[in-house]
Amino acid sequence: MTASPNVTPRLVSVRDAAAYFGLPMTQFQRLRVGRVSFGAKVLYDMRALDAHLDALSGLASPSLMKADNDAEAALERFTASR
């Protein structure tokens, strides 16, 4: 199934995530930021990537970071149970 051209994917490949960060893929993969596993397939969550960059640059408040971490932990628990 191919995504509609009007849909912006939330999950992207490691290549796209590394390019978004402006890093080589091997360096990006060591960060392990926004990683979502679906069996053997690994994708990267754009919201988690943005939250990480916001935290690094000082744009995110601590309360927002906790909410993002809670949401990411919930997603990891959900995908692990499948």
N, C-alpha and C. Protein backbone atom coordinates (compact mmCIF):
# COMPACT_ATOMS: atom_id res chain seq x y z
N MET A 1 0.85 -1.17 0.00
CA MET A 1 0.00 0.00 0.00
C MET A 1 0.90 1.24 0.00
N THR A 2 0.64 2.14 -0.88
CA THR A 2 1.40 3.38 -0.98
C THR A 2 0.63 4.51 -0.33
N ALA A 3 1.35 5.36 0.40
CA ALA A 3 0.70 6.49 1.07
C ALA A 3 0.21 7.50 0.05
N SER A 4 -0.86 8.16 0.40
CA SER A 4 -1.40 9.22 -0.43
C SER A 4 -0.40 10.37 -0.47
N PRO A 5 -0.28 11.08 -1.59
CA PRO A 5 0.65 12.21 -1.65
C PRO A 5 0.29 13.33 -0.67
N ASN A 6 -0.94 13.33 -0.17
CA ASN A 6 -1.38 14.36 0.78
C ASN A 6 -1.08 14.01 2.23
N VAL A 7 -0.53 12.82 2.46
CA VAL A 7 -0.26 12.36 3.82
C VAL A 7 1.24 12.48 4.11
N THR A 8 1.55 13.15 5.22
CA THR A 8 2.94 13.23 5.68
C THR A 8 3.15 12.10 6.67
N PRO A 9 4.07 11.18 6.38
CA PRO A 9 4.25 10.05 7.30
C PRO A 9 4.84 10.48 8.63
N ARG A 10 4.35 9.88 9.70
CA ARG A 10 4.91 10.15 11.02
C ARG A 10 6.14 9.29 11.26
N LEU A 11 6.15 8.09 10.72
CA LEU A 11 7.28 7.19 10.86
C LEU A 11 8.09 7.19 9.57
N VAL A 12 9.41 7.31 9.72
CA VAL A 12 10.30 7.38 8.55
C VAL A 12 11.43 6.37 8.69
N SER A 13 12.10 6.11 7.58
CA SER A 13 13.23 5.19 7.57
C SER A 13 14.43 5.79 8.29
N VAL A 14 15.40 4.94 8.60
CA VAL A 14 16.63 5.42 9.24
C VAL A 14 17.35 6.41 8.34
N ARG A 15 17.31 6.17 7.05
CA ARG A 15 17.97 7.08 6.10
C ARG A 15 17.35 8.47 6.17
N ASP A 16 16.00 8.52 6.17
CA ASP A 16 15.31 9.81 6.24
C ASP A 16 15.52 10.49 7.60
N ALA A 17 15.49 9.70 8.68
CA ALA A 17 15.69 10.27 10.01
C ALA A 17 17.09 10.83 10.16
N ALA A 18 18.09 10.11 9.67
CA ALA A 18 19.47 10.58 9.74
C ALA A 18 19.64 11.86 8.93
N ALA A 19 19.03 11.90 7.75
CA ALA A 19 19.10 13.11 6.91
C ALA A 19 18.43 14.28 7.62
N TYR A 20 17.33 14.03 8.30
CA TYR A 20 16.61 15.07 9.04
C TYR A 20 17.50 15.68 10.12
N PHE A 21 18.31 14.83 10.76
CA PHE A 21 19.24 15.29 11.79
C PHE A 21 20.53 15.84 11.20
N GLY A 22 20.76 15.59 9.91
CA GLY A 22 21.99 16.04 9.27
C GLY A 22 23.20 15.23 9.69
N LEU A 23 22.97 13.94 9.98
CA LEU A 23 24.04 13.06 10.45
C LEU A 23 24.18 11.86 9.53
N PRO A 24 25.38 11.25 9.49
CA PRO A 24 25.51 9.97 8.78
C PRO A 24 24.65 8.92 9.49
N MET A 25 24.16 7.93 8.75
CA MET A 25 23.26 6.93 9.32
C MET A 25 23.87 6.22 10.51
N THR A 26 25.14 5.82 10.44
CA THR A 26 25.74 5.08 11.55
C THR A 26 25.80 5.93 12.82
N GLN A 27 26.11 7.19 12.68
CA GLN A 27 26.15 8.08 13.85
C GLN A 27 24.74 8.29 14.41
N PHE A 28 23.77 8.48 13.52
CA PHE A 28 22.39 8.67 13.97
C PHE A 28 21.88 7.43 14.71
N GLN A 29 22.15 6.24 14.19
CA GLN A 29 21.65 5.01 14.80
C GLN A 29 22.17 4.83 16.22
N ARG A 30 23.34 5.34 16.54
CA ARG A 30 23.87 5.24 17.90
C ARG A 30 23.05 6.06 18.89
N LEU A 31 22.33 7.07 18.42
CA LEU A 31 21.51 7.89 19.30
C LEU A 31 20.30 7.12 19.83
N ARG A 32 19.77 6.22 19.03
CA ARG A 32 18.59 5.41 19.38
C ARG A 32 17.40 6.30 19.80
N VAL A 33 17.23 7.40 19.11
CA VAL A 33 16.15 8.35 19.38
C VAL A 33 14.97 8.05 18.48
N GLY A 34 13.76 7.96 19.07
CA GLY A 34 12.54 7.82 18.29
C GLY A 34 12.37 6.50 17.59
N ARG A 35 13.12 5.50 18.01
CA ARG A 35 13.09 4.18 17.38
C ARG A 35 11.79 3.45 17.70
N VAL A 36 11.12 2.95 16.67
CA VAL A 36 9.89 2.16 16.84
C VAL A 36 10.07 0.88 16.05
N SER A 37 9.96 -0.26 16.73
CA SER A 37 10.15 -1.55 16.08
C SER A 37 8.80 -2.21 15.82
N PHE A 38 8.66 -2.71 14.63
CA PHE A 38 7.51 -3.53 14.26
C PHE A 38 8.08 -4.85 13.78
N GLY A 39 8.32 -5.76 14.72
CA GLY A 39 9.01 -7.00 14.37
C GLY A 39 10.43 -6.66 13.97
N ALA A 40 10.83 -7.09 12.76
CA ALA A 40 12.19 -6.81 12.28
C ALA A 40 12.31 -5.42 11.67
N LYS A 41 11.19 -4.78 11.40
CA LYS A 41 11.21 -3.46 10.76
C LYS A 41 11.38 -2.37 11.82
N VAL A 42 12.33 -1.47 11.58
CA VAL A 42 12.58 -0.36 12.50
C VAL A 42 12.34 0.94 11.75
N LEU A 43 11.48 1.78 12.33
CA LEU A 43 11.20 3.10 11.79
C LEU A 43 11.46 4.13 12.88
N TYR A 44 11.41 5.40 12.51
CA TYR A 44 11.70 6.47 13.46
C TYR A 44 10.55 7.46 13.49
N ASP A 45 10.11 7.80 14.70
CA ASP A 45 8.97 8.67 14.93
C ASP A 45 9.40 10.13 14.83
N MET A 46 8.83 10.86 13.89
CA MET A 46 9.20 12.25 13.67
C MET A 46 8.91 13.12 14.89
N ARG A 47 7.83 12.83 15.61
CA ARG A 47 7.53 13.62 16.82
C ARG A 47 8.61 13.44 17.88
N ALA A 48 9.07 12.21 18.04
CA ALA A 48 10.14 11.94 19.01
C ALA A 48 11.44 12.62 18.57
N LEU A 49 11.70 12.61 17.26
CA LEU A 49 12.90 13.28 16.75
C LEU A 49 12.83 14.78 17.03
N ASP A 50 11.67 15.37 16.76
CA ASP A 50 11.49 16.80 17.03
C ASP A 50 11.63 17.11 18.52
N ALA A 51 11.05 16.26 19.38
CA ALA A 51 11.13 16.48 20.82
C ALA A 51 12.59 16.41 21.29
N HIS A 52 13.34 15.48 20.74
CA HIS A 52 14.75 15.36 21.11
C HIS A 52 15.52 16.61 20.70
N LEU A 53 15.29 17.07 19.49
CA LEU A 53 15.97 18.29 19.03
C LEU A 53 15.54 19.50 19.85
N ASP A 54 14.24 19.58 20.20
CA ASP A 54 13.76 20.69 21.03
C ASP A 54 14.46 20.69 22.39
N ALA A 55 14.65 19.49 22.97
CA ALA A 55 15.32 19.40 24.26
C ALA A 55 16.78 19.82 24.15
N LEU A 56 17.45 19.39 23.10
CA LEU A 56 18.85 19.75 22.91
C LEU A 56 19.04 21.25 22.72
N SER A 57 18.10 21.88 22.05
CA SER A 57 18.23 23.31 21.76
C SER A 57 17.62 24.19 22.85
N GLY A 58 16.99 23.57 23.85
CA GLY A 58 16.40 24.33 24.95
C GLY A 58 15.01 24.86 24.65
N LEU A 59 14.38 24.38 23.58
CA LEU A 59 13.03 24.84 23.23
C LEU A 59 11.93 24.15 24.01
N ALA A 60 12.21 22.97 24.56
CA ALA A 60 11.17 22.20 25.26
C ALA A 60 11.24 22.45 26.75
N SER A 61 10.07 22.57 27.36
CA SER A 61 10.02 22.71 28.82
C SER A 61 10.10 21.32 29.44
N PRO A 62 10.54 21.20 30.69
CA PRO A 62 10.62 19.89 31.34
C PRO A 62 9.28 19.16 31.39
N SER A 63 8.18 19.86 31.58
CA SER A 63 6.88 19.18 31.65
C SER A 63 6.49 18.61 30.30
N LEU A 64 6.82 19.30 29.21
CA LEU A 64 6.53 18.77 27.89
C LEU A 64 7.40 17.56 27.60
N MET A 65 8.65 17.59 28.04
CA MET A 65 9.53 16.45 27.81
C MET A 65 9.02 15.22 28.54
N LYS A 66 8.50 15.37 29.76
CA LYS A 66 7.97 14.24 30.50
C LYS A 66 6.77 13.65 29.77
N ALA A 67 5.90 14.49 29.26
CA ALA A 67 4.73 14.00 28.52
C ALA A 67 5.17 13.24 27.27
N ASP A 68 6.17 13.76 26.55
CA ASP A 68 6.69 13.06 25.37
C ASP A 68 7.30 11.73 25.75
N ASN A 69 8.07 11.69 26.85
CA ASN A 69 8.69 10.45 27.29
C ASN A 69 7.64 9.43 27.71
N ASP A 70 6.57 9.88 28.39
CA ASP A 70 5.49 8.98 28.79
C ASP A 70 4.80 8.39 27.57
N ALA A 71 4.56 9.22 26.57
CA ALA A 71 3.91 8.75 25.34
C ALA A 71 4.79 7.77 24.59
N GLU A 72 6.08 8.05 24.53
CA GLU A 72 7.00 7.15 23.85
C GLU A 72 7.09 5.82 24.59
N ALA A 73 7.13 5.86 25.91
CA ALA A 73 7.17 4.63 26.72
C ALA A 73 5.90 3.81 26.51
N ALA A 74 4.76 4.48 26.44
CA ALA A 74 3.49 3.78 26.21
C ALA A 74 3.49 3.09 24.84
N LEU A 75 4.01 3.79 23.82
CA LEU A 75 4.09 3.20 22.47
C LEU A 75 5.02 1.99 22.48
N GLU A 76 6.15 2.09 23.17
CA GLU A 76 7.08 0.96 23.23
C GLU A 76 6.44 -0.24 23.93
N ARG A 77 5.70 0.00 25.02
CA ARG A 77 5.01 -1.10 25.71
C ARG A 77 3.97 -1.75 24.80
N PHE A 78 3.25 -0.91 24.05
CA PHE A 78 2.22 -1.42 23.14
C PHE A 78 2.84 -2.30 22.05
N THR A 79 3.90 -1.79 21.40
CA THR A 79 4.50 -2.55 20.30
C THR A 79 5.19 -3.81 20.82
N ALA A 80 5.74 -3.78 22.04
CA ALA A 80 6.36 -4.98 22.60
C ALA A 80 5.34 -6.05 22.91
N SER A 81 4.10 -5.66 23.22
CA SER A 81 3.07 -6.64 23.55
C SER A 81 2.46 -7.29 22.32
N ARG A 82 2.78 -6.81 21.15
CA ARG A 82 2.22 -7.37 19.90
C ARG A 82 3.09 -8.43 19.33
